[in-house]
Amino acid sequence: MFVDVPSRHRAHLRWVTPLLVITCVACYLWLMLSSPVTRDFVLGDWGTVPAHLFRRGVIFQGWLWLRPLTSLFMHADWLHLLGNLLFLVIFGLPAERALGSRRFLLLFLVGGAFANLVGAWTLSGQLRPIVGCSGAVSAILGAYLALFPRAQLGLVLPLGLYFQFIRVPAALLIGMWVLLQLLFTWAGPGFGTVVWWAHIAGFGLGILFAVVSRGAVERRLRERSY
């Protein structure tokens, strides 16, 4: 269980992270309550299908160029959704506080779309759609690590009838997440298909985004401290 470590900064409204969580949950519930035919149609038509995306000129036909964005809000099952949203909340709230809501939303959308495009390129020819916001979450993790390399998060460990609160380096938790993705990729379809290169792409873009935005972030943090 994770808890937020209190900050000395004044509280500011963070609306993007809750909105993204609500949107992903609403899309998942809608898909699960739809008929199997409708669900398969939506996933196939609005997910990122590598075989459709990289045929010559196809990406510019109709609204196909939106698929890397729309697929961010669809998930294969509740474990897929829960895992993404857990890390989105843990790292998204402080990242949004530092970047600002509009810049954070841009990071989520651009990072997620870029990750899906890279994942689709590595799987060109595949007809199974890429869905989920894992690439966008990877971008957020990369940005968080670049912005707060020595940050710590509060971790509550259940020890029998007691709970122990400890501080854990955020870099360690991010490293555990990376290791988990590697293990899932190695395990293969038996544990769910993971588009590892999409995560790598999102993570790298998040680091680059944070480096480019560092000046604006520092000014923002200075203004908030007054």
C-alpha atoms as a PDB file:
ATOM      1  CA  MET A   1       0.000   0.000   0.000  1.00  0.00           C
ATOM      2  CA  PHE A   2       1.317   3.458  -0.881  1.00  0.00           C
ATOM      3  CA  VAL A   3       0.660   6.736   0.858  1.00  0.00           C
ATOM      4  CA  ASP A   4       1.590  10.222  -0.244  1.00  0.00           C
ATOM      5  CA  VAL A   5       4.482  11.779   1.663  1.00  0.00           C
ATOM      6  CA  PRO A   6       3.356  15.258   2.818  1.00  0.00           C
ATOM      7  CA  SER A   7       4.868  18.217   1.006  1.00  0.00           C
ATOM      8  CA  ARG A   8       5.564  21.745   2.249  1.00  0.00           C
ATOM      9  CA  HIS A   9       4.028  23.234  -0.865  1.00  0.00           C
ATOM     10  CA  ARG A  10       0.533  24.629  -0.844  1.00  0.00           C
ATOM     11  CA  ALA A  11      -2.080  22.305  -2.284  1.00  0.00           C
ATOM     12  CA  HIS A  12      -3.130  23.004  -5.881  1.00  0.00           C
ATOM     13  CA  LEU A  13      -5.996  21.444  -7.762  1.00  0.00           C
ATOM     14  CA  ARG A  14      -4.837  18.459  -9.814  1.00  0.00           C
ATOM     15  CA  TRP A  15      -7.675  17.602 -12.148  1.00  0.00           C
ATOM     16  CA  VAL A  16      -6.029  15.732 -15.035  1.00  0.00           C
ATOM     17  CA  THR A  17      -5.006  12.595 -13.119  1.00  0.00           C
ATOM     18  CA  PRO A  18      -8.490  12.022 -11.597  1.00  0.00           C
ATOM     19  CA  LEU A  19     -10.083  12.758 -14.985  1.00  0.00           C
ATOM     20  CA  LEU A  20      -7.852  10.197 -16.712  1.00  0.00           C
ATOM     21  CA  VAL A  21      -8.661   7.584 -14.062  1.00  0.00           C
ATOM     22  CA  ILE A  22     -12.403   8.204 -14.383  1.00  0.00           C
ATOM     23  CA  THR A  23     -12.232   8.081 -18.188  1.00  0.00           C
ATOM     24  CA  CYS A  24     -10.302   4.799 -18.235  1.00  0.00           C
ATOM     25  CA  VAL A  25     -12.660   3.190 -15.700  1.00  0.00           C
ATOM     26  CA  ALA A  26     -15.748   4.431 -17.564  1.00  0.00           C
ATOM     27  CA  CYS A  27     -14.446   3.103 -20.903  1.00  0.00           C
ATOM     28  CA  TYR A  28     -13.589  -0.246 -19.345  1.00  0.00           C
ATOM     29  CA  LEU A  29     -17.028  -0.620 -17.719  1.00  0.00           C
ATOM     30  CA  TRP A  30     -18.752   0.364 -20.951  1.00  0.00           C
ATOM     31  CA  LEU A  31     -16.783  -2.223 -22.918  1.00  0.00           C
ATOM     32  CA  MET A  32     -17.365  -4.957 -20.338  1.00  0.00           C
ATOM     33  CA  LEU A  33     -21.123  -4.252 -20.280  1.00  0.00           C
ATOM     34  CA  SER A  34     -21.335  -4.257 -24.082  1.00  0.00           C
ATOM     35  CA  SER A  35     -22.032  -7.343 -26.122  1.00  0.00           C
ATOM     36  CA  PRO A  36     -18.995  -9.402 -27.195  1.00  0.00           C
ATOM     37  CA  VAL A  37     -19.593  -8.378 -30.815  1.00  0.00           C
ATOM     38  CA  THR A  38     -19.624  -4.680 -29.934  1.00  0.00           C
ATOM     39  CA  ARG A  39     -16.593  -5.043 -27.674  1.00  0.00           C
ATOM     40  CA  ASP A  40     -14.544  -6.824 -30.346  1.00  0.00           C
ATOM     41  CA  PHE A  41     -15.589  -4.251 -32.938  1.00  0.00           C
ATOM     42  CA  VAL A  42     -14.566  -1.287 -30.750  1.00  0.00           C
ATOM     43  CA  LEU A  43     -11.240  -2.845 -29.755  1.00  0.00           C
ATOM     44  CA  GLY A  44     -10.429  -3.725 -33.348  1.00  0.00           C
ATOM     45  CA  ASP A  45     -11.634  -0.457 -34.844  1.00  0.00           C
ATOM     46  CA  TRP A  46     -10.349   2.005 -32.228  1.00  0.00           C
ATOM     47  CA  GLY A  47      -7.360   0.121 -30.828  1.00  0.00           C
ATOM     48  CA  THR A  48      -3.909   0.459 -32.382  1.00  0.00           C
ATOM     49  CA  VAL A  49      -3.805  -2.405 -34.890  1.00  0.00           C
ATOM     50  CA  PRO A  50      -0.232  -2.636 -36.271  1.00  0.00           C
ATOM     51  CA  ALA A  51      -1.248  -4.349 -39.535  1.00  0.00           C
ATOM     52  CA  HIS A  52      -3.735  -1.563 -40.309  1.00  0.00           C
ATOM     53  CA  LEU A  53      -1.606   1.345 -39.190  1.00  0.00           C
ATOM     54  CA  PHE A  54       1.482   0.855 -41.311  1.00  0.00           C
ATOM     55  CA  ARG A  55       0.037  -0.079 -44.663  1.00  0.00           C
ATOM     56  CA  ARG A  56       1.095   2.534 -47.178  1.00  0.00           C
ATOM     57  CA  GLY A  57      -0.954   5.695 -46.767  1.00  0.00           C
ATOM     58  CA  VAL A  58      -3.578   4.067 -44.559  1.00  0.00           C
ATOM     59  CA  ILE A  59      -2.733   6.081 -41.449  1.00  0.00           C
ATOM     60  CA  PHE A  60      -3.947   9.219 -43.218  1.00  0.00           C
ATOM     61  CA  GLN A  61      -7.297   7.722 -44.213  1.00  0.00           C
ATOM     62  CA  GLY A  62     -10.319   8.794 -42.191  1.00  0.00           C
ATOM     63  CA  TRP A  63      -9.676   8.947 -38.462  1.00  0.00           C
ATOM     64  CA  LEU A  64      -7.131   6.149 -38.304  1.00  0.00           C
ATOM     65  CA  TRP A  65      -4.455   8.561 -37.068  1.00  0.00           C
ATOM     66  CA  LEU A  66      -6.463   8.923 -33.830  1.00  0.00           C
ATOM     67  CA  ARG A  67      -6.161   5.217 -32.946  1.00  0.00           C
ATOM     68  CA  PRO A  68      -2.914   5.579 -30.949  1.00  0.00           C
ATOM     69  CA  LEU A  69      -4.812   8.059 -28.752  1.00  0.00           C
ATOM     70  CA  THR A  70      -8.170   6.315 -28.431  1.00  0.00           C
ATOM     71  CA  SER A  71      -6.503   3.014 -27.565  1.00  0.00           C
ATOM     72  CA  LEU A  72      -5.024   4.625 -24.427  1.00  0.00           C
ATOM     73  CA  PHE A  73      -8.399   4.495 -22.698  1.00  0.00           C
ATOM     74  CA  MET A  74      -9.275   0.854 -23.436  1.00  0.00           C
ATOM     75  CA  HIS A  75      -7.952  -2.091 -21.413  1.00  0.00           C
ATOM     76  CA  ALA A  76      -7.995  -5.834 -21.909  1.00  0.00           C
ATOM     77  CA  ASP A  77      -9.066  -6.848 -18.392  1.00  0.00           C
ATOM     78  CA  TRP A  78      -9.388  -5.468 -14.873  1.00  0.00           C
ATOM     79  CA  LEU A  79      -5.839  -6.457 -13.860  1.00  0.00           C
ATOM     80  CA  HIS A  80      -4.488  -4.569 -16.862  1.00  0.00           C
ATOM     81  CA  LEU A  81      -6.575  -1.547 -15.866  1.00  0.00           C
ATOM     82  CA  LEU A  82      -5.725  -1.742 -12.159  1.00  0.00           C
ATOM     83  CA  GLY A  83      -1.979  -2.010 -12.739  1.00  0.00           C
ATOM     84  CA  ASN A  84      -1.902   1.016 -15.031  1.00  0.00           C
ATOM     85  CA  LEU A  85      -4.117   3.161 -12.822  1.00  0.00           C
ATOM     86  CA  LEU A  86      -2.151   2.289  -9.676  1.00  0.00           C
ATOM     87  CA  PHE A  87       1.071   3.676 -11.116  1.00  0.00           C
ATOM     88  CA  LEU A  88      -0.797   6.547 -12.776  1.00  0.00           C
ATOM     89  CA  VAL A  89      -2.112   7.741  -9.411  1.00  0.00           C
ATOM     90  CA  ILE A  90       1.130   7.167  -7.472  1.00  0.00           C
ATOM     91  CA  PHE A  91       3.382   9.007  -9.909  1.00  0.00           C
ATOM     92  CA  GLY A  92       0.847  11.060 -11.857  1.00  0.00           C
ATOM     93  CA  LEU A  93      -0.318  13.273  -9.002  1.00  0.00           C
ATOM     94  CA  PRO A  94       3.144  14.591  -8.046  1.00  0.00           C
ATOM     95  CA  ALA A  95       4.191  14.801 -11.714  1.00  0.00           C
ATOM     96  CA  GLU A  96       1.080  16.841 -12.491  1.00  0.00           C
ATOM     97  CA  ARG A  97       1.785  19.081  -9.487  1.00  0.00           C
ATOM     98  CA  ALA A  98       5.278  19.804 -10.822  1.00  0.00           C
ATOM     99  CA  LEU A  99       4.507  20.027 -14.551  1.00  0.00           C
ATOM    100  CA  GLY A 100       1.128  21.730 -14.331  1.00  0.00           C
ATOM    101  CA  SER A 101      -2.101  20.155 -15.491  1.00  0.00           C
ATOM    102  CA  ARG A 102      -1.976  21.154 -19.149  1.00  0.00           C
ATOM    103  CA  ARG A 103       1.653  20.136 -19.629  1.00  0.00           C
ATOM    104  CA  PHE A 104       0.971  16.876 -17.791  1.00  0.00           C
ATOM    105  CA  LEU A 105      -2.005  16.094 -20.046  1.00  0.00           C
ATOM    106  CA  LEU A 106       0.174  16.787 -23.085  1.00  0.00           C
ATOM    107  CA  LEU A 107       2.784  14.361 -21.732  1.00  0.00           C
ATOM    108  CA  PHE A 108       0.170  11.644 -21.200  1.00  0.00           C
ATOM    109  CA  LEU A 109      -1.338  11.960 -24.676  1.00  0.00           C
ATOM    110  CA  VAL A 110       1.845  12.504 -26.689  1.00  0.00           C
ATOM    111  CA  GLY A 111       3.849   9.966 -24.689  1.00  0.00           C
ATOM    112  CA  GLY A 112       1.105   7.360 -24.949  1.00  0.00           C
ATOM    113  CA  ALA A 113       0.506   7.890 -28.665  1.00  0.00           C
ATOM    114  CA  PHE A 114       4.237   7.802 -29.423  1.00  0.00           C
ATOM    115  CA  ALA A 115       4.638   4.599 -27.401  1.00  0.00           C
ATOM    116  CA  ASN A 116       1.753   2.950 -29.259  1.00  0.00           C
ATOM    117  CA  LEU A 117       3.223   3.940 -32.611  1.00  0.00           C
ATOM    118  CA  VAL A 118       6.611   2.476 -31.698  1.00  0.00           C
ATOM    119  CA  GLY A 119       4.936  -0.678 -30.377  1.00  0.00           C
ATOM    120  CA  ALA A 120       2.891  -1.010 -33.562  1.00  0.00           C
ATOM    121  CA  TRP A 121       6.007  -0.524 -35.687  1.00  0.00           C
ATOM    122  CA  THR A 122       7.820  -3.344 -33.865  1.00  0.00           C
ATOM    123  CA  LEU A 123       4.790  -5.599 -34.389  1.00  0.00           C
ATOM    124  CA  SER A 124       3.944  -4.586 -37.957  1.00  0.00           C
ATOM    125  CA  GLY A 125       1.743  -7.206 -39.556  1.00  0.00           C
ATOM    126  CA  GLN A 126      -0.014  -8.163 -36.310  1.00  0.00           C
ATOM    127  CA  LEU A 127      -3.805  -7.960 -36.269  1.00  0.00           C
ATOM    128  CA  ARG A 128      -4.202  -7.962 -32.473  1.00  0.00           C
ATOM    129  CA  PRO A 129      -4.870  -4.392 -31.260  1.00  0.00           C
ATOM    130  CA  ILE A 130      -2.605  -2.622 -28.809  1.00  0.00           C
ATOM    131  CA  VAL A 131      -4.742  -1.138 -26.015  1.00  0.00           C
ATOM    132  CA  GLY A 132      -4.132   0.422 -22.614  1.00  0.00           C
ATOM    133  CA  CYS A 133      -2.293   3.430 -21.221  1.00  0.00           C
ATOM    134  CA  SER A 134       0.892   1.547 -20.301  1.00  0.00           C
ATOM    135  CA  GLY A 135       2.938   3.642 -22.730  1.00  0.00           C
ATOM    136  CA  ALA A 136       1.526   6.871 -21.293  1.00  0.00           C
ATOM    137  CA  VAL A 137       2.211   5.667 -17.740  1.00  0.00           C
ATOM    138  CA  SER A 138       5.752   4.792 -18.837  1.00  0.00           C
ATOM    139  CA  ALA A 139       6.182   8.369 -20.054  1.00  0.00           C
ATOM    140  CA  ILE A 140       5.001   9.659 -16.680  1.00  0.00           C
ATOM    141  CA  LEU A 141       7.431   7.355 -14.851  1.00  0.00           C
ATOM    142  CA  GLY A 142      10.278   8.587 -17.040  1.00  0.00           C
ATOM    143  CA  ALA A 143       9.371  12.220 -16.420  1.00  0.00           C
ATOM    144  CA  TYR A 144       9.010  11.618 -12.671  1.00  0.00           C
ATOM    145  CA  LEU A 145      12.411   9.934 -12.468  1.00  0.00           C
ATOM    146  CA  ALA A 146      14.057  12.792 -14.373  1.00  0.00           C
ATOM    147  CA  LEU A 147      12.338  15.479 -12.279  1.00  0.00           C
ATOM    148  CA  PHE A 148      12.722  13.794  -8.878  1.00  0.00           C
ATOM    149  CA  PRO A 149      15.703  11.419  -9.083  1.00  0.00           C
ATOM    150  CA  ARG A 150      16.112  11.323  -5.281  1.00  0.00           C
ATOM    151  CA  ALA A 151      12.415  11.422  -4.347  1.00  0.00           C
ATOM    152  CA  GLN A 152      10.963   8.980  -1.840  1.00  0.00           C
ATOM    153  CA  LEU A 153       7.490   7.552  -1.468  1.00  0.00           C
ATOM    154  CA  GLY A 154       5.777   6.321   1.664  1.00  0.00           C
ATOM    155  CA  LEU A 155       5.193   2.585   1.729  1.00  0.00           C
ATOM    156  CA  VAL A 156       2.949   0.835   4.250  1.00  0.00           C
ATOM    157  CA  LEU A 157       3.904  -2.799   4.827  1.00  0.00           C
ATOM    158  CA  PRO A 158       1.398  -5.149   6.506  1.00  0.00           C
ATOM    159  CA  LEU A 159       3.272  -7.112   9.188  1.00  0.00           C
ATOM    160  CA  GLY A 160       0.749  -9.451  10.758  1.00  0.00           C
ATOM    161  CA  LEU A 161      -1.639  -7.322  12.813  1.00  0.00           C
ATOM    162  CA  TYR A 162       0.529  -4.223  12.440  1.00  0.00           C
ATOM    163  CA  PHE A 163       1.442  -1.834   9.657  1.00  0.00           C
ATOM    164  CA  GLN A 164       4.952  -0.494   9.225  1.00  0.00           C
ATOM    165  CA  PHE A 165       5.499   2.822   7.455  1.00  0.00           C
ATOM    166  CA  ILE A 166       8.775   3.158   5.571  1.00  0.00           C
ATOM    167  CA  ARG A 167      10.195   5.498   2.952  1.00  0.00           C
ATOM    168  CA  VAL A 168      11.263   3.899  -0.308  1.00  0.00           C
ATOM    169  CA  PRO A 169      13.237   5.595  -3.112  1.00  0.00           C
ATOM    170  CA  ALA A 170      10.931   6.237  -6.043  1.00  0.00           C
ATOM    171  CA  ALA A 171      13.712   5.046  -8.373  1.00  0.00           C
ATOM    172  CA  LEU A 172      13.548   1.640  -6.675  1.00  0.00           C
ATOM    173  CA  LEU A 173       9.800   1.340  -7.268  1.00  0.00           C
ATOM    174  CA  ILE A 174      10.211   2.415 -10.890  1.00  0.00           C
ATOM    175  CA  GLY A 175      12.974  -0.165 -11.262  1.00  0.00           C
ATOM    176  CA  MET A 176      10.652  -2.822  -9.861  1.00  0.00           C
ATOM    177  CA  TRP A 177       8.028  -1.806 -12.408  1.00  0.00           C
ATOM    178  CA  VAL A 178      10.565  -2.098 -15.238  1.00  0.00           C
ATOM    179  CA  LEU A 179      11.611  -5.534 -13.966  1.00  0.00           C
ATOM    180  CA  LEU A 180       7.971  -6.608 -13.829  1.00  0.00           C
ATOM    181  CA  GLN A 181       7.469  -5.611 -17.462  1.00  0.00           C
ATOM    182  CA  LEU A 182      10.569  -7.553 -18.464  1.00  0.00           C
ATOM    183  CA  LEU A 183       9.326 -10.637 -16.642  1.00  0.00           C
ATOM    184  CA  PHE A 184       5.907 -10.408 -18.286  1.00  0.00           C
ATOM    185  CA  THR A 185       7.544 -10.025 -21.684  1.00  0.00           C
ATOM    186  CA  TRP A 186       9.756 -13.065 -21.048  1.00  0.00           C
ATOM    187  CA  ALA A 187       6.788 -15.121 -19.795  1.00  0.00           C
ATOM    188  CA  GLY A 188       4.902 -14.429 -23.005  1.00  0.00           C
ATOM    189  CA  PRO A 189       1.161 -14.681 -23.792  1.00  0.00           C
ATOM    190  CA  GLY A 190       0.535 -16.971 -20.813  1.00  0.00           C
ATOM    191  CA  PHE A 191       0.755 -13.899 -18.587  1.00  0.00           C
ATOM    192  CA  GLY A 192      -0.625 -11.416 -21.062  1.00  0.00           C
ATOM    193  CA  THR A 193       1.041  -9.947 -24.115  1.00  0.00           C
ATOM    194  CA  VAL A 194       3.159  -6.919 -23.215  1.00  0.00           C
ATOM    195  CA  VAL A 195       4.437  -4.564 -25.909  1.00  0.00           C
ATOM    196  CA  TRP A 196       7.769  -3.942 -24.203  1.00  0.00           C
ATOM    197  CA  TRP A 197       9.155  -1.572 -26.836  1.00  0.00           C
ATOM    198  CA  ALA A 198       6.151   0.694 -26.353  1.00  0.00           C
ATOM    199  CA  HIS A 199       7.064   0.996 -22.682  1.00  0.00           C
ATOM    200  CA  ILE A 200      10.696   1.721 -23.513  1.00  0.00           C
ATOM    201  CA  ALA A 201       9.644   4.399 -26.009  1.00  0.00           C
ATOM    202  CA  GLY A 202       7.234   6.020 -23.571  1.00  0.00           C
ATOM    203  CA  PHE A 203       9.796   5.951 -20.756  1.00  0.00           C
ATOM    204  CA  GLY A 204      12.455   7.567 -22.926  1.00  0.00           C
ATOM    205  CA  LEU A 205      10.103  10.243 -24.230  1.00  0.00           C
ATOM    206  CA  GLY A 206       9.041  11.039 -20.648  1.00  0.00           C
ATOM    207  CA  ILE A 207      12.663  11.624 -19.651  1.00  0.00           C
ATOM    208  CA  LEU A 208      13.205  13.861 -22.693  1.00  0.00           C
ATOM    209  CA  PHE A 209       9.980  15.769 -21.976  1.00  0.00           C
ATOM    210  CA  ALA A 210      11.089  16.411 -18.380  1.00  0.00           C
ATOM    211  CA  VAL A 211      14.539  17.598 -19.459  1.00  0.00           C
ATOM    212  CA  VAL A 212      13.025  20.012 -21.978  1.00  0.00           C
ATOM    213  CA  SER A 213      10.485  21.227 -19.389  1.00  0.00           C
ATOM    214  CA  ARG A 214      12.940  21.511 -16.488  1.00  0.00           C
ATOM    215  CA  GLY A 215      13.219  25.303 -16.698  1.00  0.00           C
ATOM    216  CA  ALA A 216       9.450  25.787 -16.667  1.00  0.00           C
ATOM    217  CA  VAL A 217       9.098  23.296 -13.801  1.00  0.00           C
ATOM    218  CA  GLU A 218      11.711  25.108 -11.695  1.00  0.00           C
ATOM    219  CA  ARG A 219       9.969  28.442 -12.267  1.00  0.00           C
ATOM    220  CA  ARG A 220       6.641  26.886 -11.361  1.00  0.00           C
ATOM    221  CA  LEU A 221       7.987  25.400  -8.127  1.00  0.00           C
ATOM    222  CA  ARG A 222       9.634  28.700  -7.145  1.00  0.00           C
ATOM    223  CA  GLU A 223       6.365  30.581  -7.688  1.00  0.00           C
ATOM    224  CA  ARG A 224       4.449  28.075  -5.575  1.00  0.00           C
ATOM    225  CA  SER A 225       6.904  28.327  -2.704  1.00  0.00           C
ATOM    226  CA  TYR A 226       6.138  31.990  -2.165  1.00  0.00           C
END
